[in-house]
Amino acid sequence: MEDLPASRVDAYLRRIGAGRPGSASPAALRDLHLGHLRAVPFESLSIHLGQEIVLEGDELLDKLLLGGRGGFCYELNGAFALLLRSLGYRVELLQARVYAAGGAQGVPYDHLALRVESEDGRPWLVDVGFGDHSHYPLAFGERGEQHDPGGVFRLVPADGPEGDLDVLQNGVPQYRLETRPRVLSDFVAGAWWHSTSPASGFTRKPVCSLLTETGRITLSDRELTVTDGGERTRRTLTDDAEVLAAYRTHFGIDLPRVPIPLHPRP
């Protein structure tokens, strides 16, 4: 895949509040990762606005850079891969299956994560599309505990095909990661399923969530949750005007109307 034009790289870096790094270093990767999480929300709003999700480079970048939007894993990590490649990192797209309560795994191509090599050859697990997860890249080859502001993480060899890894957060398996490289078009079926199926959690209600310097802010349908310094407050927004104002104020997203749950559940 070709590098992005310099103008798009610069626009992307402005979007995440980052300067152009002097090299593809691990330190720069950490800064880019954290900046992305704090600037680009994890959100499923397109599903509930009747907007098509297109997994192609220009469309992903237009949504993030021109539309001021975020997205879910396929969009966020798909776009971030384009930026990182253009900055000199070696990037592979990896598919994963997310663990549900009880240990069941999701559908194939349930999740998109990245394996990124910095200039020193070290591989990193990069994931800016899993919501409340690690704030910084995780060392791909490390099997011990990795301490991060988002929790204690481990990458554990999984039962089954050689090379698969279970990604654990605070001892709880989050997803099973396959280490065979993929291309973005491989994830089209997974994105379609998650954006249309009544069995997908993404179709039940709109969600928008963003990491902040002191915690996290999430709008789930009409419930606004703010975590600040370890303290959590929740309130229900009462009317459409208040919901639209919350999207603008907290996430920088200006919507034409309030998203309506595609497949609501009681």
Protein backbone atom coordinates (compact mmCIF):
# COMPACT_ATOMS: atom_id res chain seq x y z
CA MET A 1 0.00 0.00 0.00
CA GLU A 2 1.35 3.40 -0.98
CA ASP A 3 2.24 6.04 1.57
CA LEU A 4 -0.28 8.78 2.20
CA PRO A 5 0.27 12.18 0.60
CA ALA A 6 2.13 14.56 2.90
CA SER A 7 -0.97 16.74 3.23
CA ARG A 8 -2.99 13.82 4.58
CA VAL A 9 -0.24 12.80 6.99
CA ASP A 10 -0.10 16.36 8.30
CA ALA A 11 -3.89 16.53 8.63
CA TYR A 12 -3.94 13.22 10.51
CA LEU A 13 -1.20 14.37 12.88
CA ARG A 14 -3.13 17.58 13.56
CA ARG A 15 -6.25 15.52 14.28
CA ILE A 16 -4.44 13.59 17.02
CA GLY A 17 -2.45 16.55 18.31
CA ALA A 18 0.95 15.13 17.32
CA GLY A 19 3.99 16.51 15.57
CA ARG A 20 5.69 14.64 12.76
CA PRO A 21 8.16 12.24 14.43
CA GLY A 22 11.78 12.39 13.42
CA SER A 23 11.94 8.60 13.10
CA ALA A 24 9.83 5.46 13.46
CA SER A 25 10.88 5.04 17.08
CA PRO A 26 9.10 3.21 19.92
CA ALA A 27 8.79 6.51 21.82
CA ALA A 28 7.08 8.21 18.89
CA LEU A 29 4.75 5.24 18.52
CA ARG A 30 3.72 5.57 22.18
CA ASP A 31 2.93 9.25 21.68
CA LEU A 32 0.95 8.61 18.50
CA HIS A 33 -1.01 5.79 20.15
CA LEU A 34 -1.99 7.86 23.19
CA GLY A 35 -2.76 10.91 21.07
CA HIS A 36 -5.08 8.87 18.88
CA LEU A 37 -6.99 7.48 21.86
CA ARG A 38 -7.48 10.96 23.31
CA ALA A 39 -8.56 12.63 20.07
CA VAL A 40 -10.48 10.09 17.96
CA PRO A 41 -13.48 8.48 19.66
CA PHE A 42 -14.40 4.84 19.52
CA GLU A 43 -17.94 5.07 18.17
CA SER A 44 -20.64 3.10 16.37
CA LEU A 45 -22.80 6.03 15.27
CA SER A 46 -22.81 5.26 11.53
CA ILE A 47 -24.66 2.00 12.23
CA HIS A 48 -27.52 3.93 13.83
CA LEU A 49 -27.53 6.80 11.35
CA GLY A 50 -27.96 4.58 8.30
CA GLN A 51 -24.48 5.45 7.01
CA GLU A 52 -22.46 2.87 5.08
CA ILE A 53 -19.18 1.71 6.59
CA VAL A 54 -16.58 1.50 3.82
CA LEU A 55 -13.24 -0.18 4.54
CA GLU A 56 -11.16 1.65 1.97
CA GLY A 57 -8.34 4.07 2.66
CA ASP A 58 -9.77 7.31 1.29
CA GLU A 59 -13.18 6.75 2.88
CA LEU A 60 -11.65 5.95 6.28
CA LEU A 61 -9.49 9.06 6.19
CA ASP A 62 -12.32 11.29 4.98
CA LYS A 63 -14.46 10.16 7.91
CA LEU A 64 -11.75 10.87 10.49
CA LEU A 65 -10.12 13.93 8.96
CA LEU A 66 -12.92 15.72 7.10
CA GLY A 67 -15.94 14.48 9.02
CA GLY A 68 -14.40 14.85 12.47
CA ARG A 69 -15.66 11.40 13.34
CA GLY A 70 -14.28 8.25 14.90
CA GLY A 71 -15.31 4.65 14.26
CA PHE A 72 -14.99 1.11 15.49
CA CYS A 73 -11.98 -1.20 15.27
CA TYR A 74 -11.93 -1.75 11.52
CA GLU A 75 -12.03 1.97 10.84
CA LEU A 76 -9.76 3.22 13.63
CA ASN A 77 -7.00 0.64 13.32
CA GLY A 78 -7.40 0.56 9.54
CA ALA A 79 -6.80 4.30 9.30
CA PHE A 80 -4.03 4.30 11.92
CA ALA A 81 -2.20 1.63 9.90
CA LEU A 82 -2.13 4.01 6.93
CA LEU A 83 -0.61 6.77 9.03
CA LEU A 84 1.99 4.53 10.66
CA ARG A 85 3.15 3.08 7.33
CA SER A 86 3.56 6.59 5.98
CA LEU A 87 5.72 7.46 8.99
CA GLY A 88 8.10 4.57 8.35
CA TYR A 89 6.68 1.82 10.56
CA ARG A 90 6.18 -1.71 9.24
CA VAL A 91 2.53 -2.61 9.85
CA GLU A 92 0.58 -5.85 9.61
CA LEU A 93 -3.18 -6.17 10.05
CA LEU A 94 -4.22 -9.03 12.32
CA GLN A 95 -7.63 -10.57 12.91
CA ALA A 96 -8.94 -11.46 16.34
CA ARG A 97 -12.02 -12.98 17.95
CA VAL A 98 -13.34 -11.17 21.00
CA TYR A 99 -14.17 -13.12 24.16
CA ALA A 100 -17.71 -12.80 25.49
CA ALA A 101 -18.86 -13.51 29.01
CA GLY A 102 -18.44 -17.22 29.69
CA GLY A 103 -15.44 -17.56 27.41
CA ALA A 104 -17.18 -17.86 24.03
CA GLN A 105 -15.38 -16.29 21.09
CA GLY A 106 -16.95 -14.00 18.54
CA VAL A 107 -17.21 -14.48 14.80
CA PRO A 108 -14.08 -14.68 12.61
CA TYR A 109 -12.71 -11.21 11.82
CA ASP A 110 -14.46 -9.99 14.93
CA HIS A 111 -11.72 -7.47 15.60
CA LEU A 112 -8.84 -5.79 13.77
CA ALA A 113 -5.57 -5.08 15.59
CA LEU A 114 -2.08 -4.17 14.38
CA ARG A 115 1.40 -5.62 14.66
CA VAL A 116 3.81 -2.72 14.24
CA GLU A 117 7.59 -2.84 13.97
CA SER A 118 9.55 0.22 15.02
CA GLU A 119 12.88 1.21 13.47
CA ASP A 120 14.82 -0.98 15.91
CA GLY A 121 12.93 -4.08 14.69
CA ARG A 122 10.89 -4.50 17.87
CA PRO A 123 7.28 -5.61 17.27
CA TRP A 124 4.36 -4.00 19.11
CA LEU A 125 0.68 -4.79 19.50
CA VAL A 126 -1.06 -1.56 18.56
CA ASP A 127 -4.80 -1.21 19.14
CA VAL A 128 -6.61 2.13 19.11
CA GLY A 129 -9.94 0.46 18.29
CA PHE A 130 -10.91 -1.59 21.34
CA GLY A 131 -12.34 1.08 23.58
CA ASP A 132 -11.15 0.85 27.19
CA HIS A 133 -7.88 -0.99 26.58
CA SER A 134 -4.15 -0.25 26.80
CA HIS A 135 -3.11 3.38 26.52
CA TYR A 136 0.22 2.46 24.95
CA PRO A 137 1.41 -0.23 22.53
CA LEU A 138 2.17 -3.60 24.11
CA ALA A 139 5.45 -5.42 23.46
CA PHE A 140 4.44 -8.17 21.06
CA GLY A 141 7.16 -10.59 22.12
CA GLU A 142 6.78 -10.14 25.87
CA ARG A 143 4.91 -12.93 27.70
CA GLY A 144 5.08 -11.50 31.20
CA GLU A 145 2.97 -8.78 32.76
CA GLN A 146 2.94 -5.40 31.04
CA HIS A 147 1.81 -2.53 33.24
CA ASP A 148 -0.13 0.23 31.53
CA PRO A 149 -2.46 3.00 32.75
CA GLY A 150 -5.29 0.88 31.31
CA GLY A 151 -4.41 -2.13 33.46
CA VAL A 152 -2.05 -5.08 33.59
CA PHE A 153 -1.78 -6.86 30.23
CA ARG A 154 -0.37 -10.18 29.10
CA LEU A 155 0.01 -11.79 25.68
CA VAL A 156 -0.30 -15.52 26.30
CA PRO A 157 0.20 -18.36 23.80
CA ALA A 158 -3.23 -19.82 23.07
CA ASP A 159 -4.39 -23.38 22.63
CA GLY A 160 -4.94 -24.26 19.00
CA PRO A 161 -3.15 -22.99 15.89
CA GLU A 162 0.51 -22.28 16.49
CA GLY A 163 1.24 -18.62 17.06
CA ASP A 164 -2.20 -17.49 18.25
CA LEU A 165 -2.17 -15.26 21.33
CA ASP A 166 -4.74 -14.51 24.00
CA VAL A 167 -4.64 -10.85 25.05
CA LEU A 168 -5.46 -10.53 28.76
CA GLN A 169 -6.36 -7.37 30.65
CA ASN A 170 -6.18 -7.65 34.44
CA GLY A 171 -6.25 -11.42 34.07
CA VAL A 172 -9.37 -11.48 31.88
CA PRO A 173 -9.05 -12.66 28.24
CA GLN A 174 -10.12 -9.88 25.89
CA TYR A 175 -9.50 -11.40 22.47
CA ARG A 176 -7.68 -14.21 20.68
CA LEU A 177 -5.24 -12.79 18.17
CA GLU A 178 -4.20 -14.65 15.05
CA THR A 179 -0.67 -13.71 13.97
CA ARG A 180 -1.07 -14.35 10.23
CA PRO A 181 -1.05 -10.99 8.35
CA ARG A 182 -4.26 -9.93 6.62
CA VAL A 183 -5.38 -7.13 4.29
CA LEU A 184 -8.15 -4.63 5.00
CA SER A 185 -10.58 -6.19 2.53
CA ASP A 186 -10.49 -9.42 4.59
CA PHE A 187 -12.44 -7.61 7.30
CA VAL A 188 -15.37 -6.47 5.13
CA ALA A 189 -17.58 -9.42 6.11
CA GLY A 190 -16.89 -8.91 9.82
CA ALA A 191 -17.67 -5.21 9.58
CA TRP A 192 -20.88 -5.94 7.69
CA TRP A 193 -21.98 -8.50 10.28
CA HIS A 194 -21.27 -6.19 13.18
CA SER A 195 -23.09 -3.29 11.54
CA THR A 196 -26.22 -5.22 10.49
CA SER A 197 -26.82 -8.34 12.61
CA PRO A 198 -29.29 -8.26 15.52
CA ALA A 199 -26.83 -10.59 17.29
CA SER A 200 -24.09 -7.96 17.22
CA GLY A 201 -23.72 -5.77 20.27
CA PHE A 202 -22.91 -2.84 18.01
CA THR A 203 -26.42 -2.76 16.54
CA ARG A 204 -28.21 -2.59 19.91
CA LYS A 205 -27.46 1.03 20.74
CA PRO A 206 -25.12 3.83 19.64
CA VAL A 207 -21.93 4.17 21.66
CA CYS A 208 -19.31 6.91 21.63
CA SER A 209 -16.32 6.81 24.00
CA LEU A 210 -13.11 8.77 24.39
CA LEU A 211 -10.09 8.53 26.66
CA THR A 212 -9.34 11.75 28.56
CA GLU A 213 -6.35 12.92 30.57
CA THR A 214 -8.15 12.07 33.81
CA GLY A 215 -10.36 9.14 32.80
CA ARG A 216 -12.93 8.45 30.11
CA ILE A 217 -16.21 9.84 28.82
CA THR A 218 -18.85 7.64 27.20
CA LEU A 219 -22.27 8.31 25.71
CA SER A 220 -24.21 5.04 25.39
CA ASP A 221 -27.51 5.81 23.69
CA ARG A 222 -28.72 8.55 26.09
CA GLU A 223 -26.65 7.67 29.16
CA LEU A 224 -23.61 9.87 29.69
CA THR A 225 -20.86 8.37 31.89
CA VAL A 226 -17.88 10.43 33.00
CA THR A 227 -14.93 8.87 34.82
CA ASP A 228 -12.67 11.49 36.35
CA GLY A 229 -9.79 10.59 38.66
CA GLY A 230 -11.38 7.25 39.50
CA GLU A 231 -14.81 8.69 40.28
CA ARG A 232 -17.67 7.79 37.97
CA THR A 233 -20.87 9.74 37.43
CA ARG A 234 -23.81 8.81 35.22
CA ARG A 235 -26.83 10.73 34.04
CA THR A 236 -29.53 10.22 31.44
CA LEU A 237 -29.92 12.94 28.82
CA THR A 238 -33.54 13.93 28.55
CA ASP A 239 -34.07 15.24 25.02
CA ASP A 240 -32.56 15.22 21.54
CA ALA A 241 -31.05 18.68 21.86
CA GLU A 242 -29.13 17.62 24.96
CA VAL A 243 -27.88 14.46 23.22
CA LEU A 244 -26.65 16.38 20.16
CA ALA A 245 -24.99 18.96 22.41
CA ALA A 246 -23.18 16.18 24.28
CA TYR A 247 -21.77 14.79 21.03
CA ARG A 248 -20.51 18.25 20.07
CA THR A 249 -19.14 19.21 23.48
CA HIS A 250 -17.46 15.98 24.54
CA PHE A 251 -16.50 14.37 21.24
CA GLY A 252 -16.39 17.20 18.71
CA ILE A 253 -19.01 15.43 16.57
CA ASP A 254 -21.75 17.50 14.94
CA LEU A 255 -24.60 15.18 13.96
CA PRO A 256 -27.64 15.98 11.80
CA ARG A 257 -29.92 13.98 14.09
CA VAL A 258 -29.83 11.71 17.12
CA PRO A 259 -28.80 8.14 16.25
CA ILE A 260 -31.68 5.68 16.62
CA PRO A 261 -30.79 2.14 17.79
CA LEU A 262 -30.87 -0.22 14.81
CA HIS A 263 -31.80 -3.38 16.73
CA PRO A 264 -32.70 -2.23 20.26
CA ARG A 265 -33.09 -4.72 23.07
CA PRO A 266 -35.25 -4.26 26.14
